[in-house]
């Protein structure tokens, strides 16, 4: 689990949920492999805030592409402002845990989205 602030947490889909997670939101376009709905225990699945397939494939979790990924992803998110605003509002009223499947815990869309939510909160 990574804590960006007291209101925005990040947790891999393969980690056990906790009572302290608050509102759990899956922020990947694809369901995490091998994880049942019961085990994941999400409150919301925001597919639309996940990077496009083209961007995800281009990035490939390559840390050397991280800064460019951040720029491109933020541009994509402008088309989904309503969904992002909903997450910002949720973080204003309580804890939000962004759930993701990526193995790289420092370079993934949940980190980027969490930072954006914090900026707008």
PDB file of N, CA and C in Angstrom:
ATOM      1  N   UNK A   1       0.846  -1.174   0.000  1.00  0.00           N
ATOM      2  CA  UNK A   1       0.000   0.000   0.000  1.00  0.00           C
ATOM      3  C   UNK A   1       0.886   1.230   0.000  1.00  0.00           C
ATOM      4  N   UNK A   2       0.507   2.201  -0.799  1.00  0.00           N
ATOM      5  CA  UNK A   2       1.195   3.481  -0.855  1.00  0.00           C
ATOM      6  C   UNK A   2       0.207   4.553  -0.442  1.00  0.00           C
ATOM      7  N   UNK A   3       0.659   5.461   0.359  1.00  0.00           N
ATOM      8  CA  UNK A   3      -0.200   6.543   0.821  1.00  0.00           C
ATOM      9  C   UNK A   3       0.294   7.843   0.213  1.00  0.00           C
ATOM     10  N   UNK A   4      -0.506   8.440  -0.691  1.00  0.00           N
ATOM     11  CA  UNK A   4      -0.148   9.736  -1.255  1.00  0.00           C
ATOM     12  C   UNK A   4      -0.496  10.854  -0.289  1.00  0.00           C
ATOM     13  N   UNK A   5      -1.534  10.643   0.482  1.00  0.00           N
ATOM     14  CA  UNK A   5      -1.968  11.597   1.508  1.00  0.00           C
ATOM     15  C   UNK A   5      -2.878  10.827   2.461  1.00  0.00           C
ATOM     16  N   UNK A   6      -3.449  11.522   3.421  1.00  0.00           N
ATOM     17  CA  UNK A   6      -4.391  10.846   4.315  1.00  0.00           C
ATOM     18  C   UNK A   6      -5.678  10.483   3.587  1.00  0.00           C
ATOM     19  N   UNK A   7      -5.935  11.132   2.459  1.00  0.00           N
ATOM     20  CA  UNK A   7      -7.179  10.903   1.718  1.00  0.00           C
ATOM     21  C   UNK A   7      -7.036  10.012   0.497  1.00  0.00           C
ATOM     22  N   UNK A   8      -5.840   9.927  -0.088  1.00  0.00           N
ATOM     23  CA  UNK A   8      -5.645   9.136  -1.308  1.00  0.00           C
ATOM     24  C   UNK A   8      -4.584   8.069  -1.059  1.00  0.00           C
ATOM     25  N   UNK A   9      -5.036   6.825  -1.135  1.00  0.00           N
ATOM     26  CA  UNK A   9      -4.155   5.678  -0.977  1.00  0.00           C
ATOM     27  C   UNK A   9      -4.128   4.907  -2.288  1.00  0.00           C
ATOM     28  N   UNK A  10      -3.050   4.147  -2.472  1.00  0.00           N
ATOM     29  CA  UNK A  10      -2.914   3.264  -3.626  1.00  0.00           C
ATOM     30  C   UNK A  10      -2.676   1.855  -3.104  1.00  0.00           C
ATOM     31  N   UNK A  11      -3.317   0.875  -3.726  1.00  0.00           N
ATOM     32  CA  UNK A  11      -3.136  -0.511  -3.286  1.00  0.00           C
ATOM     33  C   UNK A  11      -3.195  -1.417  -4.515  1.00  0.00           C
ATOM     34  N   UNK A  12      -2.233  -2.318  -4.595  1.00  0.00           N
ATOM     35  CA  UNK A  12      -2.261  -3.303  -5.673  1.00  0.00           C
ATOM     36  C   UNK A  12      -3.461  -4.225  -5.487  1.00  0.00           C
ATOM     37  N   UNK A  13      -4.005  -4.663  -6.584  1.00  0.00           N
ATOM     38  CA  UNK A  13      -5.171  -5.551  -6.552  1.00  0.00           C
ATOM     39  C   UNK A  13      -4.843  -6.869  -5.870  1.00  0.00           C
ATOM     40  N   UNK A  14      -3.571  -7.210  -5.793  1.00  0.00           N
ATOM     41  CA  UNK A  14      -3.145  -8.482  -5.220  1.00  0.00           C
ATOM     42  C   UNK A  14      -2.861  -8.386  -3.722  1.00  0.00           C
ATOM     43  N   UNK A  15      -3.003  -7.190  -3.162  1.00  0.00           N
ATOM     44  CA  UNK A  15      -2.884  -6.993  -1.721  1.00  0.00           C
ATOM     45  C   UNK A  15      -4.267  -7.145  -1.098  1.00  0.00           C
ATOM     46  N   UNK A  16      -4.299  -7.613   0.130  1.00  0.00           N
ATOM     47  CA  UNK A  16      -5.575  -7.769   0.828  1.00  0.00           C
ATOM     48  C   UNK A  16      -6.174  -6.396   1.149  1.00  0.00           C
ATOM     49  N   UNK A  17      -7.477  -6.211   0.906  1.00  0.00           N
ATOM     50  CA  UNK A  17      -8.150  -4.974   1.317  1.00  0.00           C
ATOM     51  C   UNK A  17      -8.144  -4.864   2.840  1.00  0.00           C
ATOM     52  N   UNK A  18      -8.233  -3.633   3.327  1.00  0.00           N
ATOM     53  CA  UNK A  18      -8.334  -3.426   4.772  1.00  0.00           C
ATOM     54  C   UNK A  18      -9.555  -2.569   5.075  1.00  0.00           C
ATOM     55  N   UNK A  19      -9.953  -2.572   6.337  1.00  0.00           N
ATOM     56  CA  UNK A  19     -11.087  -1.739   6.770  1.00  0.00           C
ATOM     57  C   UNK A  19     -10.790  -0.260   6.577  1.00  0.00           C
ATOM     58  N   UNK A  20      -9.526   0.115   6.590  1.00  0.00           N
ATOM     59  CA  UNK A  20      -9.141   1.525   6.504  1.00  0.00           C
ATOM     60  C   UNK A  20      -9.069   2.060   5.082  1.00  0.00           C
ATOM     61  N   UNK A  21      -9.333   1.221   4.088  1.00  0.00           N
ATOM     62  CA  UNK A  21      -9.199   1.639   2.690  1.00  0.00           C
ATOM     63  C   UNK A  21     -10.217   2.690   2.265  1.00  0.00           C
ATOM     64  N   UNK A  22     -11.316   2.777   2.940  1.00  0.00           N
ATOM     65  CA  UNK A  22     -12.347   3.717   2.514  1.00  0.00           C
ATOM     66  C   UNK A  22     -12.998   3.258   1.217  1.00  0.00           C
ATOM     67  N   UNK A  23     -13.248   4.188   0.326  1.00  0.00           N
ATOM     68  CA  UNK A  23     -13.897   3.925  -0.961  1.00  0.00           C
ATOM     69  C   UNK A  23     -12.853   3.343  -1.916  1.00  0.00           C
ATOM     70  N   UNK A  24     -13.021   2.063  -2.280  1.00  0.00           N
ATOM     71  CA  UNK A  24     -12.045   1.370  -3.127  1.00  0.00           C
ATOM     72  C   UNK A  24     -12.478   1.451  -4.590  1.00  0.00           C
ATOM     73  N   UNK A  25     -11.556   1.962  -5.439  1.00  0.00           N
ATOM     74  CA  UNK A  25     -11.866   2.181  -6.850  1.00  0.00           C
ATOM     75  C   UNK A  25     -10.823   1.490  -7.721  1.00  0.00           C
ATOM     76  N   UNK A  26     -11.265   0.553  -8.544  1.00  0.00           N
ATOM     77  CA  UNK A  26     -10.376  -0.068  -9.513  1.00  0.00           C
ATOM     78  C   UNK A  26     -10.198   0.920 -10.664  1.00  0.00           C
ATOM     79  N   UNK A  27      -8.938   1.254 -10.984  1.00  0.00           N
ATOM     80  CA  UNK A  27      -8.669   2.275 -12.000  1.00  0.00           C
ATOM     81  C   UNK A  27      -7.961   1.694 -13.225  1.00  0.00           C
ATOM     82  N   UNK A  28      -8.104   0.397 -13.453  1.00  0.00           N
ATOM     83  CA  UNK A  28      -7.546  -0.264 -14.631  1.00  0.00           C
ATOM     84  C   UNK A  28      -8.663  -0.572 -15.618  1.00  0.00           C
ATOM     85  N   UNK A  29      -8.308  -0.618 -16.881  1.00  0.00           N
ATOM     86  CA  UNK A  29      -9.285  -0.932 -17.924  1.00  0.00           C
ATOM     87  C   UNK A  29      -9.646  -2.421 -17.895  1.00  0.00           C
ATOM     88  N   UNK A  30      -8.671  -3.257 -17.511  1.00  0.00           N
ATOM     89  CA  UNK A  30      -8.873  -4.701 -17.476  1.00  0.00           C
ATOM     90  C   UNK A  30      -8.964  -5.185 -16.033  1.00  0.00           C
ATOM     91  N   UNK A  31      -9.774  -6.218 -15.819  1.00  0.00           N
ATOM     92  CA  UNK A  31      -9.884  -6.809 -14.484  1.00  0.00           C
ATOM     93  C   UNK A  31      -8.563  -7.511 -14.157  1.00  0.00           C
ATOM     94  N   UNK A  32      -8.068  -7.390 -12.926  1.00  0.00           N
ATOM     95  CA  UNK A  32      -6.800  -8.041 -12.554  1.00  0.00           C
ATOM     96  C   UNK A  32      -6.893  -9.562 -12.669  1.00  0.00           C
ATOM     97  N   UNK A  33      -5.895 -10.153 -13.270  1.00  0.00           N
ATOM     98  CA  UNK A  33      -5.876 -11.602 -13.477  1.00  0.00           C
ATOM     99  C   UNK A  33      -5.874 -12.354 -12.157  1.00  0.00           C
ATOM    100  N   UNK A  34      -6.739 -13.363 -12.103  1.00  0.00           N
ATOM    101  CA  UNK A  34      -6.737 -14.268 -10.964  1.00  0.00           C
ATOM    102  C   UNK A  34      -7.312 -13.717  -9.675  1.00  0.00           C
ATOM    103  N   UNK A  35      -7.976 -12.564  -9.733  1.00  0.00           N
ATOM    104  CA  UNK A  35      -8.547 -11.972  -8.522  1.00  0.00           C
ATOM    105  C   UNK A  35     -10.068 -11.967  -8.656  1.00  0.00           C
ATOM    106  N   UNK A  36     -10.738 -12.585  -7.722  1.00  0.00           N
ATOM    107  CA  UNK A  36     -12.202 -12.635  -7.764  1.00  0.00           C
ATOM    108  C   UNK A  36     -12.796 -11.311  -7.299  1.00  0.00           C
ATOM    109  N   UNK A  37     -14.042 -11.088  -7.672  1.00  0.00           N
ATOM    110  CA  UNK A  37     -14.748  -9.887  -7.220  1.00  0.00           C
ATOM    111  C   UNK A  37     -14.847  -9.851  -5.703  1.00  0.00           C
ATOM    112  N   UNK A  38     -15.066 -11.019  -5.115  1.00  0.00           N
ATOM    113  CA  UNK A  38     -15.186 -11.090  -3.657  1.00  0.00           C
ATOM    114  C   UNK A  38     -13.877 -10.698  -2.979  1.00  0.00           C
ATOM    115  N   UNK A  39     -12.775 -11.143  -3.529  1.00  0.00           N
ATOM    116  CA  UNK A  39     -11.475 -10.834  -2.919  1.00  0.00           C
ATOM    117  C   UNK A  39     -11.075  -9.378  -3.140  1.00  0.00           C
ATOM    118  N   UNK A  40     -11.394  -8.828  -4.295  1.00  0.00           N
ATOM    119  CA  UNK A  40     -10.988  -7.453  -4.610  1.00  0.00           C
ATOM    120  C   UNK A  40     -11.787  -6.427  -3.808  1.00  0.00           C
ATOM    121  N   UNK A  41     -13.058  -6.729  -3.582  1.00  0.00           N
ATOM    122  CA  UNK A  41     -13.934  -5.870  -2.780  1.00  0.00           C
ATOM    123  C   UNK A  41     -13.853  -4.385  -3.160  1.00  0.00           C
ATOM    124  N   UNK A  42     -14.148  -4.096  -4.421  1.00  0.00           N
ATOM    125  CA  UNK A  42     -14.149  -2.699  -4.854  1.00  0.00           C
ATOM    126  C   UNK A  42     -15.551  -2.121  -4.727  1.00  0.00           C
ATOM    127  N   UNK A  43     -15.593  -0.822  -4.564  1.00  0.00           N
ATOM    128  CA  UNK A  43     -16.862  -0.101  -4.510  1.00  0.00           C
ATOM    129  C   UNK A  43     -17.237   0.456  -5.878  1.00  0.00           C
ATOM    130  N   UNK A  44     -16.220   0.634  -6.732  1.00  0.00           N
ATOM    131  CA  UNK A  44     -16.444   1.275  -8.020  1.00  0.00           C
ATOM    132  C   UNK A  44     -15.343   0.821  -8.978  1.00  0.00           C
ATOM    133  N   UNK A  45     -15.696   0.689 -10.253  1.00  0.00           N
ATOM    134  CA  UNK A  45     -14.710   0.378 -11.281  1.00  0.00           C
ATOM    135  C   UNK A  45     -14.756   1.513 -12.295  1.00  0.00           C
ATOM    136  N   UNK A  46     -13.703   2.297 -12.350  1.00  0.00           N
ATOM    137  CA  UNK A  46     -13.620   3.446 -13.259  1.00  0.00           C
ATOM    138  C   UNK A  46     -12.739   3.112 -14.456  1.00  0.00           C
ATOM    139  N   UNK A  47     -13.274   2.356 -15.385  1.00  0.00           N
ATOM    140  CA  UNK A  47     -12.517   1.982 -16.588  1.00  0.00           C
ATOM    141  C   UNK A  47     -12.111   3.201 -17.407  1.00  0.00           C
ATOM    142  N   UNK A  48     -12.990   4.205 -17.426  1.00  0.00           N
ATOM    143  CA  UNK A  48     -12.757   5.362 -18.287  1.00  0.00           C
ATOM    144  C   UNK A  48     -11.575   6.219 -17.861  1.00  0.00           C
ATOM    145  N   UNK A  49     -11.148   6.109 -16.610  1.00  0.00           N
ATOM    146  CA  UNK A  49      -9.983   6.897 -16.185  1.00  0.00           C
ATOM    147  C   UNK A  49      -8.672   6.134 -16.394  1.00  0.00           C
ATOM    148  N   UNK A  50      -8.764   4.914 -16.868  1.00  0.00           N
ATOM    149  CA  UNK A  50      -7.551   4.147 -17.181  1.00  0.00           C
ATOM    150  C   UNK A  50      -6.954   4.670 -18.493  1.00  0.00           C
ATOM    151  N   UNK A  51      -5.652   4.515 -18.666  1.00  0.00           N
ATOM    152  CA  UNK A  51      -5.049   4.933 -19.943  1.00  0.00           C
ATOM    153  C   UNK A  51      -5.632   4.137 -21.101  1.00  0.00           C
ATOM    154  N   UNK A  52      -5.650   4.755 -22.262  1.00  0.00           N
ATOM    155  CA  UNK A  52      -6.114   4.045 -23.464  1.00  0.00           C
ATOM    156  C   UNK A  52      -5.204   2.847 -23.712  1.00  0.00           C
ATOM    157  N   UNK A  53      -5.705   1.885 -24.472  1.00  0.00           N
ATOM    158  CA  UNK A  53      -4.897   0.714 -24.805  1.00  0.00           C
ATOM    159  C   UNK A  53      -3.612   1.125 -25.518  1.00  0.00           C
ATOM    160  N   UNK A  54      -3.709   2.097 -26.423  1.00  0.00           N
ATOM    161  CA  UNK A  54      -2.522   2.545 -27.152  1.00  0.00           C
ATOM    162  C   UNK A  54      -1.484   3.142 -26.200  1.00  0.00           C
ATOM    163  N   UNK A  55      -1.931   3.978 -25.280  1.00  0.00           N
ATOM    164  CA  UNK A  55      -0.999   4.596 -24.339  1.00  0.00           C
ATOM    165  C   UNK A  55      -0.403   3.555 -23.397  1.00  0.00           C
ATOM    166  N   UNK A  56      -1.234   2.656 -22.925  1.00  0.00           N
ATOM    167  CA  UNK A  56      -0.761   1.608 -22.013  1.00  0.00           C
ATOM    168  C   UNK A  56       0.306   0.746 -22.683  1.00  0.00           C
ATOM    169  N   UNK A  57       0.044   0.356 -23.931  1.00  0.00           N
ATOM    170  CA  UNK A  57       1.016  -0.472 -24.659  1.00  0.00           C
ATOM    171  C   UNK A  57       2.293   0.306 -24.961  1.00  0.00           C
ATOM    172  N   UNK A  58       2.166   1.568 -25.339  1.00  0.00           N
ATOM    173  CA  UNK A  58       3.349   2.390 -25.611  1.00  0.00           C
ATOM    174  C   UNK A  58       4.216   2.519 -24.357  1.00  0.00           C
ATOM    175  N   UNK A  59       3.584   2.787 -23.227  1.00  0.00           N
ATOM    176  CA  UNK A  59       4.323   2.986 -21.982  1.00  0.00           C
ATOM    177  C   UNK A  59       5.008   1.701 -21.530  1.00  0.00           C
ATOM    178  N   UNK A  60       4.285   0.609 -21.483  1.00  0.00           N
ATOM    179  CA  UNK A  60       4.848  -0.669 -21.092  1.00  0.00           C
ATOM    180  C   UNK A  60       5.544  -0.653 -19.734  1.00  0.00           C
ATOM    181  N   UNK A  61       5.172   0.262 -18.871  1.00  0.00           N
ATOM    182  CA  UNK A  61       5.769   0.424 -17.537  1.00  0.00           C
ATOM    183  C   UNK A  61       7.282   0.618 -17.599  1.00  0.00           C
ATOM    184  N   UNK A  62       7.729   1.287 -18.649  1.00  0.00           N
ATOM    185  CA  UNK A  62       9.145   1.606 -18.818  1.00  0.00           C
ATOM    186  C   UNK A  62       9.422   2.917 -18.079  1.00  0.00           C
ATOM    187  N   UNK A  63      10.189   2.879 -16.993  1.00  0.00           N
ATOM    188  CA  UNK A  63      10.469   4.098 -16.223  1.00  0.00           C
ATOM    189  C   UNK A  63      11.080   5.222 -17.061  1.00  0.00           C
ATOM    190  N   UNK A  64      11.784   4.877 -18.131  1.00  0.00           N
ATOM    191  CA  UNK A  64      12.373   5.903 -18.993  1.00  0.00           C
ATOM    192  C   UNK A  64      11.298   6.698 -19.738  1.00  0.00           C
ATOM    193  N   UNK A  65      10.101   6.142 -19.852  1.00  0.00           N
ATOM    194  CA  UNK A  65       8.989   6.828 -20.536  1.00  0.00           C
ATOM    195  C   UNK A  65       8.010   7.483 -19.558  1.00  0.00           C
ATOM    196  N   UNK A  66       8.306   7.448 -18.282  1.00  0.00           N
ATOM    197  CA  UNK A  66       7.389   7.902 -17.244  1.00  0.00           C
ATOM    198  C   UNK A  66       6.938   9.343 -17.439  1.00  0.00           C
ATOM    199  N   UNK A  67       7.881  10.270 -17.623  1.00  0.00           N
ATOM    200  CA  UNK A  67       7.498  11.682 -17.740  1.00  0.00           C
ATOM    201  C   UNK A  67       6.604  11.925 -18.950  1.00  0.00           C
ATOM    202  N   UNK A  68       6.930  11.299 -20.060  1.00  0.00           N
ATOM    203  CA  UNK A  68       6.096  11.437 -21.260  1.00  0.00           C
ATOM    204  C   UNK A  68       4.734  10.774 -21.042  1.00  0.00           C
ATOM    205  N   UNK A  69       4.722   9.633 -20.350  1.00  0.00           N
ATOM    206  CA  UNK A  69       3.460   8.973 -20.020  1.00  0.00           C
ATOM    207  C   UNK A  69       2.568   9.911 -19.205  1.00  0.00           C
ATOM    208  N   UNK A  70       3.146  10.581 -18.198  1.00  0.00           N
ATOM    209  CA  UNK A  70       2.368  11.499 -17.369  1.00  0.00           C
ATOM    210  C   UNK A  70       1.704  12.576 -18.219  1.00  0.00           C
ATOM    211  N   UNK A  71       2.453  13.159 -19.135  1.00  0.00           N
ATOM    212  CA  UNK A  71       1.894  14.203 -20.011  1.00  0.00           C
ATOM    213  C   UNK A  71       0.762  13.657 -20.882  1.00  0.00           C
ATOM    214  N   UNK A  72       1.012  12.531 -21.514  1.00  0.00           N
ATOM    215  CA  UNK A  72      -0.001  11.954 -22.408  1.00  0.00           C
ATOM    216  C   UNK A  72      -1.246  11.509 -21.639  1.00  0.00           C
ATOM    217  N   UNK A  73      -1.025  10.922 -20.481  1.00  0.00           N
ATOM    218  CA  UNK A  73      -2.157  10.439 -19.674  1.00  0.00           C
ATOM    219  C   UNK A  73      -3.014  11.608 -19.189  1.00  0.00           C
ATOM    220  N   UNK A  74      -2.386  12.669 -18.724  1.00  0.00           N
ATOM    221  CA  UNK A  74      -3.153  13.843 -18.287  1.00  0.00           C
ATOM    222  C   UNK A  74      -3.994  14.409 -19.435  1.00  0.00           C
ATOM    223  N   UNK A  75      -3.442  14.402 -20.633  1.00  0.00           N
ATOM    224  CA  UNK A  75      -4.203  14.875 -21.796  1.00  0.00           C
ATOM    225  C   UNK A  75      -5.415  13.979 -22.038  1.00  0.00           C
ATOM    226  N   UNK A  76      -5.218  12.668 -21.920  1.00  0.00           N
ATOM    227  CA  UNK A  76      -6.352  11.753 -22.080  1.00  0.00           C
ATOM    228  C   UNK A  76      -7.417  11.993 -21.012  1.00  0.00           C
ATOM    229  N   UNK A  77      -6.991  12.271 -19.808  1.00  0.00           N
ATOM    230  CA  UNK A  77      -7.953  12.456 -18.717  1.00  0.00           C
ATOM    231  C   UNK A  77      -8.819  13.698 -18.887  1.00  0.00           C
ATOM    232  N   UNK A  78      -8.399  14.646 -19.705  1.00  0.00           N
ATOM    233  CA  UNK A  78      -9.244  15.824 -19.941  1.00  0.00           C
ATOM    234  C   UNK A  78     -10.561  15.419 -20.602  1.00  0.00           C
ATOM    235  N   UNK A  79     -10.558  14.287 -21.310  1.00  0.00           N
ATOM    236  CA  UNK A  79     -11.794  13.785 -21.926  1.00  0.00           C
ATOM    237  C   UNK A  79     -12.696  13.080 -20.923  1.00  0.00           C
ATOM    238  N   UNK A  80     -12.207  12.887 -19.712  1.00  0.00           N
ATOM    239  CA  UNK A  80     -12.964  12.172 -18.674  1.00  0.00           C
ATOM    240  C   UNK A  80     -13.017  12.994 -17.391  1.00  0.00           C
ATOM    241  N   UNK A  81     -13.186  14.293 -17.579  1.00  0.00           N
ATOM    242  CA  UNK A  81     -13.157  15.205 -16.437  1.00  0.00           C
ATOM    243  C   UNK A  81     -14.257  14.908 -15.422  1.00  0.00           C
ATOM    244  N   UNK A  82     -15.406  14.479 -15.888  1.00  0.00           N
ATOM    245  CA  UNK A  82     -16.509  14.190 -14.966  1.00  0.00           C
ATOM    246  C   UNK A  82     -16.140  13.046 -14.016  1.00  0.00           C
ATOM    247  N   UNK A  83     -15.546  11.985 -14.570  1.00  0.00           N
ATOM    248  CA  UNK A  83     -15.138  10.852 -13.735  1.00  0.00           C
ATOM    249  C   UNK A  83     -14.038  11.247 -12.754  1.00  0.00           C
ATOM    250  N   UNK A  84     -13.070  12.034 -13.228  1.00  0.00           N
ATOM    251  CA  UNK A  84     -11.989  12.495 -12.351  1.00  0.00           C
ATOM    252  C   UNK A  84     -12.562  13.389 -11.259  1.00  0.00           C
ATOM    253  N   UNK A  85     -13.471  14.275 -11.611  1.00  0.00           N
ATOM    254  CA  UNK A  85     -14.083  15.162 -10.621  1.00  0.00           C
ATOM    255  C   UNK A  85     -14.832  14.373  -9.551  1.00  0.00           C
ATOM    256  N   UNK A  86     -15.463  13.284  -9.941  1.00  0.00           N
ATOM    257  CA  UNK A  86     -16.153  12.423  -8.980  1.00  0.00           C
ATOM    258  C   UNK A  86     -15.160  11.842  -7.976  1.00  0.00           C
ATOM    259  N   UNK A  87     -13.983  11.429  -8.459  1.00  0.00           N
ATOM    260  CA  UNK A  87     -12.952  10.901  -7.565  1.00  0.00           C
ATOM    261  C   UNK A  87     -12.388  11.989  -6.658  1.00  0.00           C
ATOM    262  N   UNK A  88     -12.246  13.183  -7.187  1.00  0.00           N
ATOM    263  CA  UNK A  88     -11.774  14.315  -6.382  1.00  0.00           C
ATOM    264  C   UNK A  88     -12.770  14.597  -5.258  1.00  0.00           C
ATOM    265  N   UNK A  89     -14.049  14.618  -5.587  1.00  0.00           N
ATOM    266  CA  UNK A  89     -15.080  14.856  -4.569  1.00  0.00           C
ATOM    267  C   UNK A  89     -15.084  13.758  -3.510  1.00  0.00           C
ATOM    268  N   UNK A  90     -14.913  12.522  -3.949  1.00  0.00           N
ATOM    269  CA  UNK A  90     -14.859  11.413  -2.989  1.00  0.00           C
ATOM    270  C   UNK A  90     -13.681  11.586  -2.038  1.00  0.00           C
ATOM    271  N   UNK A  91     -12.546  12.050  -2.551  1.00  0.00           N
ATOM    272  CA  UNK A  91     -11.363  12.261  -1.707  1.00  0.00           C
ATOM    273  C   UNK A  91     -11.546  13.450  -0.768  1.00  0.00           C
ATOM    274  N   UNK A  92     -12.375  14.390  -1.156  1.00  0.00           N
ATOM    275  CA  UNK A  92     -12.658  15.526  -0.262  1.00  0.00           C
ATOM    276  C   UNK A  92     -13.503  15.095   0.930  1.00  0.00           C
ATOM    277  N   UNK A  93     -14.339  14.083   0.707  1.00  0.00           N
ATOM    278  CA  UNK A  93     -15.247  13.683   1.783  1.00  0.00           C
ATOM    279  C   UNK A  93     -14.790  12.449   2.555  1.00  0.00           C
ATOM    280  N   UNK A  94     -13.716  11.814   2.125  1.00  0.00           N
ATOM    281  CA  UNK A  94     -13.226  10.635   2.834  1.00  0.00           C
ATOM    282  C   UNK A  94     -12.050  10.012   2.106  1.00  0.00           C
ATOM    283  N   UNK A  95     -11.603   8.910   2.602  1.00  0.00           N
ATOM    284  CA  UNK A  95     -10.459   8.234   1.990  1.00  0.00           C
ATOM    285  C   UNK A  95     -10.881   7.488   0.731  1.00  0.00           C
ATOM    286  N   UNK A  96     -10.030   7.581  -0.291  1.00  0.00           N
ATOM    287  CA  UNK A  96     -10.211   6.859  -1.545  1.00  0.00           C
ATOM    288  C   UNK A  96      -8.955   6.024  -1.766  1.00  0.00           C
ATOM    289  N   UNK A  97      -9.132   4.751  -2.023  1.00  0.00           N
ATOM    290  CA  UNK A  97      -8.017   3.879  -2.352  1.00  0.00           C
ATOM    291  C   UNK A  97      -8.131   3.490  -3.816  1.00  0.00           C
ATOM    292  N   UNK A  98      -7.132   3.894  -4.598  1.00  0.00           N
ATOM    293  CA  UNK A  98      -7.084   3.545  -6.010  1.00  0.00           C
ATOM    294  C   UNK A  98      -6.426   2.178  -6.127  1.00  0.00           C
ATOM    295  N   UNK A  99      -7.143   1.245  -6.716  1.00  0.00           N
ATOM    296  CA  UNK A  99      -6.684  -0.136  -6.833  1.00  0.00           C
ATOM    297  C   UNK A  99      -6.208  -0.368  -8.260  1.00  0.00           C
ATOM    298  N   UNK A 100      -5.029  -0.997  -8.395  1.00  0.00           N
ATOM    299  CA  UNK A 100      -4.418  -1.229  -9.694  1.00  0.00           C
ATOM    300  C   UNK A 100      -3.705  -2.582  -9.693  1.00  0.00           C
ATOM    301  N   UNK A 101      -3.399  -3.092 -10.873  1.00  0.00           N
ATOM    302  CA  UNK A 101      -2.777  -4.414 -10.972  1.00  0.00           C
ATOM    303  C   UNK A 101      -1.289  -4.373 -11.283  1.00  0.00           C
ATOM    304  N   UNK A 102      -0.770  -3.277 -11.773  1.00  0.00           N
ATOM    305  CA  UNK A 102       0.626  -3.204 -12.229  1.00  0.00           C
ATOM    306  C   UNK A 102       1.607  -3.651 -11.148  1.00  0.00           C
ATOM    307  N   UNK A 103       2.662  -4.303 -11.585  1.00  0.00           N
ATOM    308  CA  UNK A 103       3.695  -4.754 -10.661  1.00  0.00           C
ATOM    309  C   UNK A 103       4.616  -3.633 -10.218  1.00  0.00           C
ATOM    310  N   UNK A 104       4.788  -2.620 -11.058  1.00  0.00           N
ATOM    311  CA  UNK A 104       5.629  -1.478 -10.731  1.00  0.00           C
ATOM    312  C   UNK A 104       4.805  -0.510  -9.881  1.00  0.00           C
ATOM    313  N   UNK A 105       5.166  -0.389  -8.627  1.00  0.00           N
ATOM    314  CA  UNK A 105       4.368   0.420  -7.703  1.00  0.00           C
ATOM    315  C   UNK A 105       4.688   1.912  -7.781  1.00  0.00           C
ATOM    316  N   UNK A 106       5.703   2.288  -8.545  1.00  0.00           N
ATOM    317  CA  UNK A 106       6.082   3.700  -8.653  1.00  0.00           C
ATOM    318  C   UNK A 106       5.711   4.322  -9.988  1.00  0.00           C
ATOM    319  N   UNK A 107       5.571   3.511 -11.023  1.00  0.00           N
ATOM    320  CA  UNK A 107       5.305   4.005 -12.376  1.00  0.00           C
ATOM    321  C   UNK A 107       4.072   3.322 -12.942  1.00  0.00           C
ATOM    322  N   UNK A 108       2.903   3.829 -12.567  1.00  0.00           N
ATOM    323  CA  UNK A 108       1.657   3.253 -13.077  1.00  0.00           C
ATOM    324  C   UNK A 108       0.576   4.324 -13.087  1.00  0.00           C
ATOM    325  N   UNK A 109      -0.532   4.019 -13.727  1.00  0.00           N
ATOM    326  CA  UNK A 109      -1.599   5.008 -13.881  1.00  0.00           C
ATOM    327  C   UNK A 109      -2.231   5.416 -12.550  1.00  0.00           C
ATOM    328  N   UNK A 110      -2.251   4.527 -11.563  1.00  0.00           N
ATOM    329  CA  UNK A 110      -2.836   4.890 -10.264  1.00  0.00           C
ATOM    330  C   UNK A 110      -2.004   5.966  -9.575  1.00  0.00           C
ATOM    331  N   UNK A 111      -0.692   5.876  -9.689  1.00  0.00           N
ATOM    332  CA  UNK A 111       0.187   6.913  -9.122  1.00  0.00           C
ATOM    333  C   UNK A 111      -0.109   8.248  -9.799  1.00  0.00           C
ATOM    334  N   UNK A 112      -0.164   8.240 -11.126  1.00  0.00           N
ATOM    335  CA  UNK A 112      -0.421   9.466 -11.879  1.00  0.00           C
ATOM    336  C   UNK A 112      -1.796  10.044 -11.551  1.00  0.00           C
ATOM    337  N   UNK A 113      -2.803   9.190 -11.512  1.00  0.00           N
ATOM    338  CA  UNK A 113      -4.159   9.640 -11.210  1.00  0.00           C
ATOM    339  C   UNK A 113      -4.258  10.145  -9.771  1.00  0.00           C
ATOM    340  N   UNK A 114      -3.629   9.446  -8.849  1.00  0.00           N
ATOM    341  CA  UNK A 114      -3.644   9.876  -7.455  1.00  0.00           C
ATOM    342  C   UNK A 114      -3.031  11.246  -7.278  1.00  0.00           C
ATOM    343  N   UNK A 115      -1.940  11.513  -7.981  1.00  0.00           N
ATOM    344  CA  UNK A 115      -1.306  12.838  -7.915  1.00  0.00           C
ATOM    345  C   UNK A 115      -2.246  13.916  -8.446  1.00  0.00           C
ATOM    346  N   UNK A 116      -2.928  13.608  -9.544  1.00  0.00           N
ATOM    347  CA  UNK A 116      -3.878  14.562 -10.122  1.00  0.00           C
ATOM    348  C   UNK A 116      -5.025  14.836  -9.156  1.00  0.00           C
ATOM    349  N   UNK A 117      -5.535  13.803  -8.539  1.00  0.00           N
ATOM    350  CA  UNK A 117      -6.614  13.969  -7.559  1.00  0.00           C
ATOM    351  C   UNK A 117      -6.140  14.853  -6.406  1.00  0.00           C
ATOM    352  N   UNK A 118      -4.947  14.617  -5.930  1.00  0.00           N
ATOM    353  CA  UNK A 118      -4.402  15.426  -4.839  1.00  0.00           C
ATOM    354  C   UNK A 118      -4.253  16.890  -5.256  1.00  0.00           C
ATOM    355  N   UNK A 119      -3.807  17.136  -6.464  1.00  0.00           N
ATOM    356  CA  UNK A 119      -3.660  18.513  -6.957  1.00  0.00           C
ATOM    357  C   UNK A 119      -5.007  19.219  -7.004  1.00  0.00           C
ATOM    358  N   UNK A 120      -6.024  18.504  -7.426  1.00  0.00           N
ATOM    359  CA  UNK A 120      -7.351  19.109  -7.583  1.00  0.00           C
ATOM    360  C   UNK A 120      -8.151  19.146  -6.298  1.00  0.00           C
ATOM    361  N   UNK A 121      -7.760  18.346  -5.323  1.00  0.00           N
ATOM    362  CA  UNK A 121      -8.486  18.287  -4.052  1.00  0.00           C
ATOM    363  C   UNK A 121      -8.192  19.548  -3.276  1.00  0.00           C
TER     364      UNK A 121
END
